[in-house]
Amino acid sequence: MTQVTWLRTSYWAGAVVDALVGMLMLIPGRMGETEFRYPMGLAATLAFGWTALLVWADRKPVERKGILVITVFPVITGLLLSGIYGVVVGLLPAAQIIPGSAVGVILIVLMLYSYWNARGPDGDVDVPSQV
């Protein structure tokens, strides 16, 4: 696969996961009690916004590759740490965070590899000028 193909795969994998998570957050049965509906709606809005950001990055994949690093740190990493916190303090059973954590780790590896692969031969992260 080419550098651009890796980048685009990363953008679209993240966008699809974000869109699915956003939709899941809007399902009333998954939103929990009434007091959780407002924060779940806010979280869904952010998931859809990040979906749009990743699709936007795909339009200029090399120039916007930095979006992948921002997606990994703090977004995905923060979500994984929040899940771990939830388990440690007893808010969630460990089994509940395993599927999402596995997807998160896969996205982290894919996105960091794609970003690293798109670097220039001298390790420079600057975008080469295009004519």
Foldseek 3Di string as FASTA:
>chain_A
DALLVLLLVLLQLLLVVLQVQLVQLQDVVSQDDPVSNVVSPVSSVVSNVSSVVSVVCNVVRLQSLVNLVVCLPPNLVVVLVVLVVCCVVVNDPPVVCVVVNVSSVVSNVSSVVSQQSSADPVRHSDDDDDD
